Amino acid sequence: MDAPITVDRLRFLLFSLKEKLWVKPLSLCLLSIAAVFASKLADGTALAQHLPTVEQASVETLLSIMASSMLVIATFSAGTMVSAYSSASRSSTPRSVSLIISDDASQNALSTFVGAFIFSVVAITVSSNNFFEDAGIFLLFCLTCLVFAIVILTFIRWVDSVARLGRVGSTVQKVEAAAMRAINHRLSTPRLGGKQQPKSVKEQGGDTSKYQTLTTDSIGYVQMVDMAKVQAWAEEHDTQVHIAMLPGEFCTPDRPLCYIESVKQKHSVDNSKNKSSDKVDGQSDGNDEGKSNEKIDKAALLSAFQIGSERSFEADPRYGLVVLSEIASRALSPSVNDPGTAISILGSYARLFIQWAQKEVENEADDIKYHNVTVPNISTEDMFDDAFTGVARDGASMIEVSIRMQKTLDAIAKTSNGKVSTAATEHAKTAYERSINALTYEGDKEALNAIVNKLNQKNSNP
């Protein structure tokens, strides 16, 4: 029997719902309908005798004005948001659209306008049919005034944000914020809360006498690993599970999601002690046990892996780096020719990697939540490849991008994290070689060499 929904899955579902444009408008519509009928509660109470009388016609006039205006504004806001999504897809990258859809200001504005429209329509309908008495009409009038105030404040706030919605600078900030959230969450739970994975797991994973493999027919990206569910399954079968694919990796039927430590191997000592008594009682021997071990039900374990067609910003720290790299590469293309955006993204990389390096050192002595599950570390080299390879390649012929690349990697290399420092140094060398080969003007090459020599002298003489 499956366990109740876990924290990991709940967090994944909440983030998925946030990306759905219909969730907040539907919630506000239901809340609006409930608010209209809640006004009826004032009728027949002792409070009704002390409330002032409000003309029903005046309330219906206000509601009519709201109904006619809110539908127009809601339609306008929806059109503006669609235009922003299209602009973001063209000017930055289609992978950033999901973040723009989940923008709180836009979703709140659309939800408020649609909810106000539904509120006014339902209120006019029930009011015109004499559903309310004097106290109910007064409470409905108060709610109408409150809705008007909320709509006006929301509209003012939305006007401030709609001018930036879908723009490249705003999109870069959203992607950086999403990457920072994913990095902080991963650093707060290193290795997803599991134990350090032995280096020999993948090499020995093909040895079926020691490990069983879990594969799936689904083809797509691992969006989430429900570690609590994996731990519960491992405890139930008294074994160890070695995660092979982290969120963000591409899954195919030939690639194992995880390796399962053989129960037979795990309890070989106990089995050898009880072997003679088992034979006397007519029980199966070690070979039969190995055969039954092959038939372990893996369906529950497979359900702990969420496979989808797209990567997730929330669970995959590398995805934000990839999307930022795509935006920079598009900005550096000859058709756009916007090196300033690439330089801005290099600043984002500096903040992200320095944060990663500092927090990773702080969290080296982390608490293990799932003792029956081992998880590999995120490869620092892969993170740097995701971030800097594309920018170094496409910006190699631009001296301003090349210089900023060297300064950014030099700042990252000065962190106390050895892996991050080494990777930054290697990418700085690679980026320098690309730039020297791509630059055609000798003055640009001399300027780049001067910057590199200056940085090297500072590092050698701190």
Protein backbone atom coordinates (compact mmCIF):
# COMPACT_ATOMS: atom_id res chain seq x y z
CA MET A 1 0.00 0.00 0.00
CA ASP A 2 1.41 3.38 -1.02
CA ALA A 3 2.28 5.83 1.72
CA PRO A 4 0.48 9.20 1.93
CA ILE A 5 1.80 11.98 -0.25
CA THR A 6 5.32 12.90 0.77
CA VAL A 7 6.89 16.31 1.22
CA ASP A 8 8.97 15.94 -1.95
CA ARG A 9 5.97 15.08 -4.09
CA LEU A 10 3.82 17.79 -2.48
CA ARG A 11 6.48 20.39 -3.20
CA PHE A 12 6.71 19.19 -6.81
CA LEU A 13 2.92 19.29 -7.25
CA LEU A 14 2.65 22.79 -5.78
CA PHE A 15 5.34 24.07 -8.14
CA SER A 16 3.62 22.36 -11.08
CA LEU A 17 0.29 23.96 -10.17
CA LYS A 18 1.99 27.35 -9.96
CA GLU A 19 2.91 27.01 -13.65
CA LYS A 20 -0.75 26.36 -14.59
CA LEU A 21 -2.44 29.59 -15.61
CA TRP A 22 -5.96 28.39 -14.74
CA VAL A 23 -5.40 27.50 -11.07
CA LYS A 24 -5.53 30.96 -9.49
CA PRO A 25 -8.42 32.28 -11.64
CA LEU A 26 -10.48 29.19 -10.81
CA SER A 27 -9.73 29.59 -7.10
CA LEU A 28 -10.75 33.27 -7.16
CA CYS A 29 -13.95 32.43 -9.05
CA LEU A 30 -14.98 29.91 -6.40
CA LEU A 31 -14.06 32.34 -3.63
CA SER A 32 -16.13 35.08 -5.31
CA ILE A 33 -19.21 32.88 -5.55
CA ALA A 34 -18.81 31.86 -1.90
CA ALA A 35 -18.48 35.53 -0.87
CA VAL A 36 -21.76 36.45 -2.58
CA PHE A 37 -23.74 33.76 -0.81
CA ALA A 38 -21.95 34.50 2.48
CA SER A 39 -23.74 37.86 2.49
CA LYS A 40 -26.97 35.98 3.15
CA LEU A 41 -25.62 35.04 6.60
CA ALA A 42 -26.26 38.59 7.85
CA ASP A 43 -30.02 38.23 7.28
CA GLY A 44 -31.98 36.99 10.25
CA THR A 45 -29.27 37.78 12.81
CA ALA A 46 -29.40 40.26 15.69
CA LEU A 47 -26.83 42.34 13.84
CA ALA A 48 -29.37 43.06 11.08
CA GLN A 49 -31.30 45.49 13.29
CA HIS A 50 -28.27 47.75 13.75
CA LEU A 51 -27.05 47.91 10.15
CA PRO A 52 -27.90 50.92 7.95
CA THR A 53 -30.18 50.46 4.97
CA VAL A 54 -28.66 50.55 1.50
CA GLU A 55 -30.79 50.80 -1.63
CA GLN A 56 -30.67 47.62 -3.67
CA ALA A 57 -30.61 49.65 -6.90
CA SER A 58 -27.39 51.43 -5.93
CA VAL A 59 -25.63 48.14 -5.22
CA GLU A 60 -26.82 46.70 -8.53
CA THR A 61 -25.53 49.80 -10.33
CA LEU A 62 -22.07 49.32 -8.85
CA LEU A 63 -22.14 45.63 -9.73
CA SER A 64 -23.21 46.41 -13.30
CA ILE A 65 -20.30 48.81 -13.74
CA MET A 66 -17.91 46.19 -12.39
CA ALA A 67 -19.32 43.43 -14.58
CA SER A 68 -19.02 45.45 -17.78
CA SER A 69 -15.50 46.73 -17.05
CA MET A 70 -13.90 43.63 -15.53
CA LEU A 71 -14.55 41.44 -18.55
CA VAL A 72 -12.81 43.96 -20.81
CA ILE A 73 -9.85 44.34 -18.45
CA ALA A 74 -9.54 40.57 -17.99
CA THR A 75 -9.52 40.08 -21.77
CA PHE A 76 -6.91 42.83 -22.13
CA SER A 77 -4.70 41.33 -19.42
CA ALA A 78 -4.90 37.88 -20.99
CA GLY A 79 -3.89 39.29 -24.37
CA THR A 80 -1.00 41.19 -22.79
CA MET A 81 0.25 38.05 -21.08
CA VAL A 82 0.08 36.02 -24.30
CA SER A 83 2.06 38.72 -26.09
CA ALA A 84 4.64 38.66 -23.29
CA TYR A 85 4.98 34.87 -23.58
CA SER A 86 5.51 35.15 -27.32
CA SER A 87 8.05 37.94 -26.85
CA ALA A 88 9.97 35.95 -24.24
CA SER A 89 10.06 32.93 -26.53
CA ARG A 90 11.49 34.99 -29.40
CA SER A 91 13.88 37.29 -27.54
CA SER A 92 15.26 34.94 -24.90
CA THR A 93 14.44 31.21 -25.10
CA PRO A 94 11.25 29.10 -25.14
CA ARG A 95 12.47 27.35 -21.97
CA SER A 96 11.86 30.53 -19.97
CA VAL A 97 8.15 30.78 -20.78
CA SER A 98 7.12 28.56 -17.87
CA LEU A 99 8.72 31.03 -15.44
CA ILE A 100 6.89 33.96 -17.01
CA ILE A 101 3.60 32.05 -16.83
CA SER A 102 4.19 31.50 -13.12
CA ASP A 103 4.77 35.23 -12.54
CA ASP A 104 2.78 36.09 -9.41
CA ALA A 105 1.89 39.66 -10.41
CA SER A 106 0.38 38.62 -13.75
CA GLN A 107 -1.44 35.61 -12.35
CA ASN A 108 -2.82 37.64 -9.44
CA ALA A 109 -3.99 40.38 -11.79
CA LEU A 110 -5.79 38.01 -14.16
CA SER A 111 -7.28 36.08 -11.23
CA THR A 112 -8.51 39.27 -9.58
CA PHE A 113 -10.15 40.61 -12.75
CA VAL A 114 -11.86 37.32 -13.58
CA GLY A 115 -12.90 36.80 -9.95
CA ALA A 116 -14.36 40.33 -9.78
CA PHE A 117 -16.32 39.70 -12.97
CA ILE A 118 -17.76 36.44 -11.63
CA PHE A 119 -18.55 38.12 -8.31
CA SER A 120 -20.48 40.93 -9.97
CA VAL A 121 -22.43 38.65 -12.32
CA VAL A 122 -23.46 36.24 -9.55
CA ALA A 123 -24.27 39.11 -7.17
CA ILE A 124 -26.47 40.87 -9.75
CA THR A 125 -28.32 37.64 -10.48
CA VAL A 126 -29.13 36.77 -6.88
CA SER A 127 -29.84 40.37 -5.90
CA SER A 128 -32.30 40.96 -8.73
CA ASN A 129 -34.24 37.90 -7.58
CA ASN A 130 -34.68 39.35 -4.07
CA PHE A 131 -32.41 36.74 -2.50
CA PHE A 132 -31.13 39.21 0.13
CA GLU A 133 -32.87 41.19 2.83
CA ASP A 134 -31.67 44.59 4.09
CA ALA A 135 -28.75 43.19 6.12
CA GLY A 136 -27.63 41.01 3.23
CA ILE A 137 -27.79 43.96 0.83
CA PHE A 138 -25.62 46.03 3.19
CA LEU A 139 -23.04 43.25 3.53
CA LEU A 140 -23.06 42.79 -0.25
CA PHE A 141 -22.45 46.54 -0.63
CA CYS A 142 -19.45 46.29 1.71
CA LEU A 143 -18.05 43.34 -0.22
CA THR A 144 -18.53 45.21 -3.50
CA CYS A 145 -16.56 48.18 -2.18
CA LEU A 146 -13.83 45.82 -0.97
CA VAL A 147 -13.65 44.13 -4.37
CA PHE A 148 -13.41 47.56 -6.05
CA ALA A 149 -10.48 48.48 -3.78
CA ILE A 150 -8.70 45.18 -4.47
CA VAL A 151 -9.19 45.59 -8.22
CA ILE A 152 -7.79 49.13 -8.22
CA LEU A 153 -4.72 48.20 -6.15
CA THR A 154 -4.10 45.10 -8.27
CA PHE A 155 -4.38 47.09 -11.48
CA ILE A 156 -1.88 49.70 -10.26
CA ARG A 157 0.58 46.99 -9.25
CA TRP A 158 0.05 45.11 -12.49
CA VAL A 159 0.67 48.21 -14.64
CA ASP A 160 4.05 48.55 -12.93
CA SER A 161 5.05 44.99 -13.82
CA VAL A 162 3.40 44.52 -17.22
CA ALA A 163 5.86 46.92 -18.87
CA ARG A 164 8.71 44.54 -17.98
CA LEU A 165 6.86 41.27 -18.55
CA GLY A 166 8.60 39.22 -21.23
CA ARG A 167 11.55 41.59 -21.62
CA VAL A 168 15.00 40.02 -21.75
CA GLY A 169 16.25 41.71 -18.58
CA SER A 170 13.20 40.66 -16.60
CA THR A 171 13.43 37.12 -17.97
CA VAL A 172 17.10 36.86 -16.96
CA GLN A 173 16.20 37.94 -13.42
CA LYS A 174 13.43 35.34 -13.20
CA VAL A 175 15.69 32.54 -14.47
CA GLU A 176 18.47 33.56 -12.07
CA ALA A 177 16.00 33.62 -9.17
CA ALA A 178 14.71 30.16 -10.13
CA ALA A 179 18.26 28.81 -10.38
CA MET A 180 19.14 30.34 -7.01
CA ARG A 181 16.09 28.71 -5.38
CA ALA A 182 17.04 25.34 -6.82
CA ILE A 183 20.66 25.73 -5.68
CA ASN A 184 19.66 26.75 -2.16
CA HIS A 185 17.21 23.88 -1.90
CA ARG A 186 19.79 21.36 -3.10
CA LEU A 187 22.39 22.77 -0.73
CA SER A 188 19.95 22.56 2.19
CA THR A 189 19.46 18.85 1.39
CA PRO A 190 22.74 17.65 -0.16
CA ARG A 191 22.34 14.51 -2.25
CA LEU A 192 18.55 14.89 -1.78
CA GLY A 193 18.99 13.79 1.84
CA GLY A 194 20.59 10.45 0.97
CA LYS A 195 23.99 9.00 1.78
CA GLN A 196 27.17 9.49 -0.20
CA GLN A 197 27.17 7.05 -3.10
CA PRO A 198 30.18 4.72 -3.46
CA LYS A 199 32.16 5.36 -6.63
CA SER A 200 32.03 1.69 -7.53
CA VAL A 201 28.23 1.56 -7.86
CA LYS A 202 27.98 2.43 -11.54
CA GLU A 203 30.91 0.27 -12.51
CA GLN A 204 29.52 -2.70 -10.61
CA GLY A 205 25.92 -1.97 -11.55
CA GLY A 206 26.10 -4.34 -14.46
CA ASP A 207 26.92 -7.23 -12.14
CA THR A 208 23.41 -8.65 -11.68
CA SER A 209 24.62 -10.97 -8.93
CA LYS A 210 25.20 -7.93 -6.73
CA TYR A 211 22.82 -5.29 -8.09
CA GLN A 212 19.43 -5.31 -9.73
CA THR A 213 18.55 -2.44 -12.04
CA LEU A 214 15.34 -0.46 -12.29
CA THR A 215 14.46 0.83 -15.75
CA THR A 216 11.39 2.35 -17.31
CA ASP A 217 9.82 2.40 -20.77
CA SER A 218 9.18 6.14 -20.41
CA ILE A 219 11.48 8.45 -22.34
CA GLY A 220 12.03 11.93 -20.95
CA TYR A 221 13.66 13.91 -18.17
CA VAL A 222 13.69 12.91 -14.54
CA GLN A 223 11.71 15.74 -12.95
CA MET A 224 11.63 14.51 -9.35
CA VAL A 225 12.82 11.66 -7.15
CA ASP A 226 10.53 11.03 -4.18
CA MET A 227 13.23 10.16 -1.67
CA ALA A 228 10.82 9.40 1.17
CA LYS A 229 9.07 6.85 -1.01
CA VAL A 230 12.36 5.27 -2.06
CA GLN A 231 13.43 5.07 1.59
CA ALA A 232 10.12 3.44 2.58
CA TRP A 233 10.49 0.88 -0.22
CA ALA A 234 14.09 0.13 0.75
CA GLU A 235 13.12 -0.34 4.40
CA GLU A 236 10.24 -2.59 3.45
CA HIS A 237 12.55 -4.83 1.42
CA ASP A 238 15.47 -4.41 3.85
CA THR A 239 17.91 -3.35 1.14
CA GLN A 240 19.89 -0.40 -0.20
CA VAL A 241 18.85 1.63 -3.25
CA HIS A 242 21.52 3.50 -5.23
CA ILE A 243 20.04 6.35 -7.28
CA ALA A 244 21.62 6.48 -10.73
CA MET A 245 19.78 9.40 -12.35
CA LEU A 246 19.34 12.80 -10.73
CA PRO A 247 16.57 15.27 -11.62
CA GLY A 248 17.36 16.81 -14.99
CA GLU A 249 18.98 13.76 -16.58
CA PHE A 250 17.47 12.26 -19.74
CA CYS A 251 15.96 8.83 -19.20
CA THR A 252 15.74 6.07 -21.82
CA PRO A 253 14.81 2.39 -21.46
CA ASP A 254 18.46 1.31 -21.60
CA ARG A 255 19.57 3.57 -18.72
CA PRO A 256 18.90 2.41 -15.15
CA LEU A 257 17.09 4.80 -12.84
CA CYS A 258 18.67 3.16 -9.83
CA TYR A 259 20.53 0.08 -8.66
CA ILE A 260 19.02 -2.16 -6.01
CA GLU A 261 21.40 -3.99 -3.73
CA SER A 262 20.62 -7.67 -3.85
CA VAL A 263 18.79 -8.96 -0.79
CA LYS A 264 20.60 -12.24 -1.27
CA GLN A 265 23.96 -10.44 -1.22
CA LYS A 266 22.95 -8.30 1.76
CA HIS A 267 21.96 -11.28 3.90
CA SER A 268 24.45 -13.83 2.63
CA VAL A 269 25.94 -14.21 6.12
CA ASP A 270 22.58 -14.89 7.74
CA ASN A 271 21.59 -17.28 4.98
CA SER A 272 24.78 -19.29 5.33
CA LYS A 273 24.12 -19.71 9.06
CA ASN A 274 20.57 -20.96 8.50
CA LYS A 275 21.28 -22.99 5.37
CA SER A 276 21.36 -26.40 7.06
CA SER A 277 18.21 -25.82 9.12
CA ASP A 278 16.38 -24.55 6.02
CA LYS A 279 17.14 -27.76 4.15
CA VAL A 280 15.96 -29.90 7.03
CA ASP A 281 12.64 -28.03 7.09
CA GLY A 282 12.24 -28.40 3.35
CA GLN A 283 12.81 -24.70 2.58
CA SER A 284 14.41 -23.43 -0.60
CA ASP A 285 18.17 -23.09 -0.84
CA GLY A 286 20.24 -20.05 -1.80
CA ASN A 287 19.56 -20.48 -5.52
CA ASP A 288 15.79 -20.37 -4.94
CA GLU A 289 16.21 -17.32 -2.77
CA GLY A 290 18.13 -15.62 -5.54
CA LYS A 291 15.34 -16.51 -7.92
CA SER A 292 12.68 -15.02 -5.62
CA ASN A 293 14.86 -11.98 -5.21
CA GLU A 294 14.59 -11.42 -8.95
CA LYS A 295 10.80 -11.18 -8.58
CA ILE A 296 10.77 -8.25 -6.15
CA ASP A 297 7.89 -5.94 -7.02
CA LYS A 298 9.47 -2.74 -8.33
CA ALA A 299 6.29 -0.91 -9.35
CA ALA A 300 6.12 1.06 -6.11
CA LEU A 301 9.79 2.04 -6.44
CA LEU A 302 9.27 3.10 -10.06
CA SER A 303 6.42 5.41 -9.02
CA ALA A 304 8.91 7.42 -6.94
CA PHE A 305 10.49 8.69 -10.18
CA GLN A 306 8.57 11.43 -12.00
CA ILE A 307 9.39 11.36 -15.74
CA GLY A 308 8.30 14.21 -18.02
CA SER A 309 9.01 15.78 -21.37
CA GLU A 310 10.50 18.95 -19.87
CA ARG A 311 13.05 19.67 -17.16
CA SER A 312 11.99 21.35 -13.95
CA PHE A 313 13.52 24.56 -12.60
CA GLU A 314 12.56 23.72 -9.03
CA ALA A 315 14.35 20.37 -8.65
CA ASP A 316 17.17 20.76 -11.15
CA PRO A 317 19.86 23.37 -10.34
CA ARG A 318 21.55 22.80 -13.68
CA TYR A 319 18.47 23.70 -15.72
CA GLY A 320 18.62 27.37 -14.76
CA LEU A 321 22.27 27.49 -15.86
CA VAL A 322 21.36 25.93 -19.22
CA VAL A 323 18.54 28.42 -19.84
CA LEU A 324 20.77 31.38 -18.96
CA SER A 325 23.37 30.04 -21.39
CA GLU A 326 20.73 29.80 -24.13
CA ILE A 327 19.68 33.41 -23.55
CA ALA A 328 23.31 34.54 -23.73
CA SER A 329 23.96 32.56 -26.92
CA ARG A 330 20.92 34.09 -28.61
CA ALA A 331 22.02 37.57 -27.52
CA LEU A 332 25.47 36.94 -29.00
CA SER A 333 24.12 35.73 -32.35
CA PRO A 334 24.81 38.02 -35.36
CA SER A 335 21.10 38.69 -35.81
CA VAL A 336 20.75 40.09 -32.26
CA ASN A 337 24.30 41.30 -31.47
CA ASP A 338 23.63 42.15 -27.81
CA PRO A 339 26.82 41.48 -25.81
CA GLY A 340 25.42 43.47 -22.89
CA THR A 341 22.92 40.69 -22.14
CA ALA A 342 25.71 38.10 -22.17
CA ILE A 343 27.76 40.26 -19.78
CA SER A 344 24.73 40.55 -17.49
CA ILE A 345 24.34 36.77 -17.49
CA LEU A 346 28.01 36.35 -16.57
CA GLY A 347 27.22 38.46 -13.52
CA SER A 348 24.36 36.08 -12.74
CA TYR A 349 26.77 33.15 -13.02
CA ALA A 350 29.16 34.82 -10.59
CA ARG A 351 26.39 35.15 -7.99
CA LEU A 352 25.13 31.61 -8.51
CA PHE A 353 28.49 29.82 -8.43
CA ILE A 354 29.89 31.81 -5.52
CA GLN A 355 26.72 31.03 -3.59
CA TRP A 356 27.07 27.35 -4.52
CA ALA A 357 30.74 27.26 -3.52
CA GLN A 358 30.24 28.96 -0.15
CA LYS A 359 27.14 27.05 0.91
CA GLU A 360 28.56 23.69 -0.23
CA VAL A 361 31.56 24.19 2.04
CA GLU A 362 29.27 25.11 4.93
CA ASN A 363 27.09 22.04 4.43
CA GLU A 364 29.83 19.43 4.09
CA ALA A 365 28.82 17.86 7.42
CA ASP A 366 25.20 17.37 6.42
CA ASP A 367 22.53 15.32 8.16
CA ILE A 368 21.40 12.17 6.38
CA LYS A 369 17.63 11.73 6.27
CA TYR A 370 17.44 8.59 4.14
CA HIS A 371 19.92 5.97 5.34
CA ASN A 372 18.87 3.28 2.88
CA VAL A 373 19.38 5.44 -0.20
CA THR A 374 22.63 6.63 -1.75
CA VAL A 375 22.72 9.53 -4.21
CA PRO A 376 25.60 10.82 -6.36
CA ASN A 377 26.76 14.41 -6.03
CA ILE A 378 26.03 16.90 -8.78
CA SER A 379 29.06 17.11 -11.03
CA THR A 380 30.75 20.49 -10.65
CA GLU A 381 32.36 20.05 -14.06
CA ASP A 382 28.96 19.49 -15.68
CA MET A 383 27.58 22.63 -14.03
CA PHE A 384 30.44 24.71 -15.45
CA ASP A 385 29.97 23.12 -18.88
CA ASP A 386 26.27 23.99 -18.79
CA ALA A 387 27.02 27.59 -17.89
CA PHE A 388 30.20 28.72 -19.62
CA THR A 389 30.83 26.57 -22.69
CA GLY A 390 28.20 28.21 -24.90
CA VAL A 391 29.02 31.75 -23.80
CA ALA A 392 32.75 31.21 -24.26
CA ARG A 393 32.18 29.79 -27.74
CA ASP A 394 29.74 32.41 -29.03
CA GLY A 395 31.40 35.38 -27.34
CA ALA A 396 34.98 34.48 -28.19
CA SER A 397 35.17 37.06 -31.00
CA MET A 398 33.90 39.91 -28.78
CA ILE A 399 36.61 41.47 -26.63
CA GLU A 400 34.18 42.88 -24.04
CA VAL A 401 32.63 39.46 -23.46
CA SER A 402 36.04 37.77 -23.35
CA ILE A 403 37.36 40.18 -20.74
CA ARG A 404 34.26 39.85 -18.56
CA MET A 405 34.50 36.06 -18.87
CA GLN A 406 38.03 36.10 -17.46
CA LYS A 407 37.08 38.42 -14.59
CA THR A 408 34.01 36.33 -13.73
CA LEU A 409 35.86 33.03 -13.68
CA ASP A 410 38.70 34.60 -11.70
CA ALA A 411 36.21 35.75 -9.03
CA ILE A 412 34.68 32.26 -8.86
CA ALA A 413 38.12 30.62 -8.70
CA LYS A 414 38.97 32.59 -5.55
CA THR A 415 36.34 30.75 -3.49
CA SER A 416 37.44 28.25 -0.88
CA ASN A 417 35.72 25.36 -2.64
CA GLY A 418 38.44 23.30 -4.29
CA LYS A 419 36.26 21.67 -6.97
CA VAL A 420 34.67 24.96 -7.98
CA SER A 421 38.03 26.74 -8.04
CA THR A 422 39.62 24.05 -10.21
CA ALA A 423 36.72 24.02 -12.68
CA ALA A 424 36.74 27.82 -12.91
CA THR A 425 40.46 27.86 -13.63
CA GLU A 426 40.13 25.23 -16.36
CA HIS A 427 37.27 27.09 -18.05
CA ALA A 428 39.20 30.35 -17.85
CA LYS A 429 42.05 28.72 -19.78
CA THR A 430 39.65 27.26 -22.35
CA ALA A 431 37.85 30.58 -22.81
CA TYR A 432 41.18 32.39 -23.23
CA GLU A 433 42.28 29.97 -25.95
CA ARG A 434 38.95 30.36 -27.77
CA SER A 435 39.21 34.13 -27.65
CA ILE A 436 42.81 34.25 -28.86
CA ASN A 437 41.86 32.09 -31.84
CA ALA A 438 38.69 34.05 -32.63
CA LEU A 439 39.90 37.64 -32.19
CA THR A 440 41.25 39.15 -35.39
CA TYR A 441 42.39 42.57 -34.20
CA GLU A 442 45.80 42.53 -32.54
CA GLY A 443 44.84 45.32 -30.17
CA ASP A 444 42.01 43.15 -28.76
CA LYS A 445 44.43 40.28 -28.22
CA GLU A 446 46.86 42.56 -26.40
CA ALA A 447 44.05 43.89 -24.20
CA LEU A 448 42.94 40.35 -23.31
CA ASN A 449 46.52 39.28 -22.57
CA ALA A 450 46.98 42.33 -20.36
CA ILE A 451 43.86 41.45 -18.33
CA VAL A 452 44.86 37.81 -17.98
CA ASN A 453 48.41 38.73 -16.90
CA LYS A 454 47.06 41.23 -14.39
CA LEU A 455 44.71 38.66 -12.87
CA ASN A 456 47.49 36.08 -12.69
CA GLN A 457 49.79 38.55 -10.92
CA LYS A 458 47.11 39.33 -8.35
CA ASN A 459 46.57 35.64 -7.71
CA SER A 460 50.27 34.91 -7.35
CA ASN A 461 50.79 37.95 -5.07
CA PRO A 462 47.68 38.16 -2.88
